[in-house]
Amino acid sequence: MFPHLSGLQIQTVRAVGAMVRIDASTDNVATPCPECVRLSNRVHSRYQRQLSDAAVAGREVLMRLRVRRLVCDNSDCRRRTFAKSVPGLAERHARRTTVLQNVLCAVALALRRAVPVPG
C-alpha cells in the first residue's frame, strides 16, 4: 500500500483527529558509507525527522522518522559519520516525502495550465 515506506520499520500508525501519524525508523541493516562504500552498522547517534506525506482517505499524513547516524570505520575515508538514507522517501533536509512533492508539483502544473497568465 505504501511502497515508498518499504525501507522503514513502522512502529505505529494511528489516527489523531483529521491526521494519520506514522512513527517509523530506518532499518538496522548495515549501510555503505556514501564516500568509500564500506559497510557500517556502528551507530554514532540518532535524530528525528518530521515529514509530511500524501493524504490517505482525505486525512493529512505526518511521519515521525527516527534516523540512525552511522560511523565510517575506514581510516582512509574523509567522512567520519553519515546518516542512513531511505532511497525514494525524501530528499536530504526535505520536509515532504517524494510522493507528496510529486503530487504538489502536478497540481501546480495543472493550475498553471488552467489559469491564463496576464500580460
Protein backbone atom coordinates (compact mmCIF):
# COMPACT_ATOMS: atom_id res chain seq x y z
CA MET A 1 0.00 0.00 0.00
CA PHE A 2 2.92 2.37 0.76
CA PRO A 3 5.85 1.20 -1.40
CA HIS A 4 7.89 4.32 -0.56
CA LEU A 5 7.94 3.19 3.10
CA SER A 6 9.40 -0.25 2.39
CA GLY A 7 12.88 0.66 3.70
CA LEU A 8 11.49 1.60 7.12
CA GLN A 9 10.49 -0.15 10.29
CA ILE A 10 6.98 1.07 11.13
CA GLN A 11 6.35 1.25 14.88
CA THR A 12 2.86 2.78 14.98
CA VAL A 13 0.18 4.11 12.67
CA ARG A 14 -2.61 6.00 14.40
CA ALA A 15 -5.39 8.40 13.58
CA VAL A 16 -5.14 11.63 15.57
CA GLY A 17 -8.16 13.77 14.71
CA ALA A 18 -8.03 14.60 10.99
CA MET A 19 -4.44 13.35 10.73
CA VAL A 20 -2.73 9.98 10.42
CA ARG A 21 0.56 9.82 12.29
CA ILE A 22 3.20 7.25 11.39
CA ASP A 23 6.10 6.61 13.75
CA ALA A 24 8.94 4.85 11.93
CA SER A 25 12.68 4.33 11.98
CA THR A 26 15.35 3.38 9.50
CA ASP A 27 16.10 -0.34 9.39
CA ASN A 28 19.04 -1.89 11.26
CA VAL A 29 20.72 -3.25 8.14
CA ALA A 30 24.40 -2.42 7.60
CA THR A 31 24.71 0.57 5.28
CA PRO A 32 27.51 1.57 2.89
CA CYS A 33 29.32 4.84 3.52
CA PRO A 34 28.42 7.25 0.68
CA GLU A 35 32.10 8.19 0.32
CA CYS A 36 34.08 4.90 0.46
CA VAL A 37 31.21 2.34 0.25
CA ARG A 38 32.45 0.37 3.28
CA LEU A 39 29.56 -1.21 5.19
CA SER A 40 28.84 0.13 8.65
CA ASN A 41 26.38 -0.79 11.35
CA ARG A 42 28.04 1.15 14.19
CA VAL A 43 25.61 3.79 15.46
CA HIS A 44 27.03 7.23 16.25
CA SER A 45 23.69 8.82 17.20
CA ARG A 46 20.03 9.07 16.25
CA TYR A 47 17.83 12.01 15.38
CA GLN A 48 14.22 12.57 14.43
CA ARG A 49 12.83 14.00 11.18
CA GLN A 50 9.26 15.04 10.57
CA LEU A 51 7.90 14.51 7.06
CA SER A 52 4.52 15.28 5.53
CA ASP A 53 3.26 12.53 3.23
CA ALA A 54 0.43 12.25 0.69
CA ALA A 55 -3.05 12.18 2.22
CA VAL A 56 -4.78 8.89 2.95
CA ALA A 57 -8.59 8.74 2.84
CA GLY A 58 -8.72 12.54 2.99
CA ARG A 59 -6.51 12.70 6.07
CA GLU A 60 -3.19 14.51 6.31
CA VAL A 61 -0.28 12.12 6.96
CA LEU A 62 2.58 13.12 9.25
CA MET A 63 5.57 10.84 9.61
CA ARG A 64 7.95 10.99 12.55
CA LEU A 65 11.09 9.25 11.33
CA ARG A 66 13.93 8.23 13.64
CA VAL A 67 17.17 8.18 11.61
CA ARG A 68 20.45 6.46 12.52
CA ARG A 69 23.71 8.34 12.09
CA LEU A 70 26.48 5.80 11.49
CA VAL A 71 30.28 5.83 11.87
CA CYS A 72 32.56 5.04 8.95
CA ASP A 73 35.35 2.84 10.32
CA ASN A 74 37.58 3.29 7.27
CA SER A 75 40.53 5.39 8.49
CA ASP A 76 41.30 6.48 4.90
CA CYS A 77 37.77 7.87 4.36
CA ARG A 78 37.19 11.63 4.67
CA ARG A 79 33.69 11.10 6.03
CA ARG A 80 33.57 10.14 9.71
CA THR A 81 29.79 9.87 10.12
CA PHE A 82 26.83 9.65 7.77
CA ALA A 83 23.06 9.39 8.05
CA LYS A 84 21.21 6.28 6.99
CA SER A 85 19.08 7.26 3.99
CA VAL A 86 15.97 5.65 2.59
CA PRO A 87 16.05 5.78 -1.24
CA GLY A 88 12.94 7.33 -2.74
CA LEU A 89 11.49 8.52 0.58
CA ALA A 90 12.64 12.16 0.70
CA GLU A 91 15.47 14.41 -0.36
CA ARG A 92 18.08 15.50 2.14
CA HIS A 93 16.67 18.18 4.50
CA ALA A 94 13.21 17.86 2.88
CA ARG A 95 10.05 18.22 4.95
CA ARG A 96 7.88 16.37 2.44
CA THR A 97 8.15 12.86 1.05
CA THR A 98 8.95 12.49 -2.64
CA VAL A 99 5.41 11.19 -3.21
CA LEU A 100 3.83 14.33 -1.71
CA GLN A 101 6.29 16.60 -3.55
CA ASN A 102 5.33 14.98 -6.88
CA VAL A 103 1.60 15.41 -6.13
CA LEU A 104 2.09 19.10 -5.29
CA CYS A 105 4.11 19.68 -8.47
CA ALA A 106 1.41 18.01 -10.58
CA VAL A 107 -1.29 20.20 -9.00
CA ALA A 108 0.81 23.34 -9.54
CA LEU A 109 1.40 22.49 -13.21
CA ALA A 110 -2.30 21.73 -13.77
CA LEU A 111 -3.28 25.05 -12.19
CA ARG A 112 -0.74 26.93 -14.29
CA ARG A 113 -2.23 25.45 -17.49
CA ALA A 114 -5.81 26.12 -16.33
CA VAL A 115 -5.35 29.77 -15.31
CA PRO A 116 -4.20 32.19 -18.02
CA VAL A 117 -1.28 34.39 -17.03
CA PRO A 118 -1.99 38.10 -17.69
CA GLY A 119 0.34 40.09 -19.81
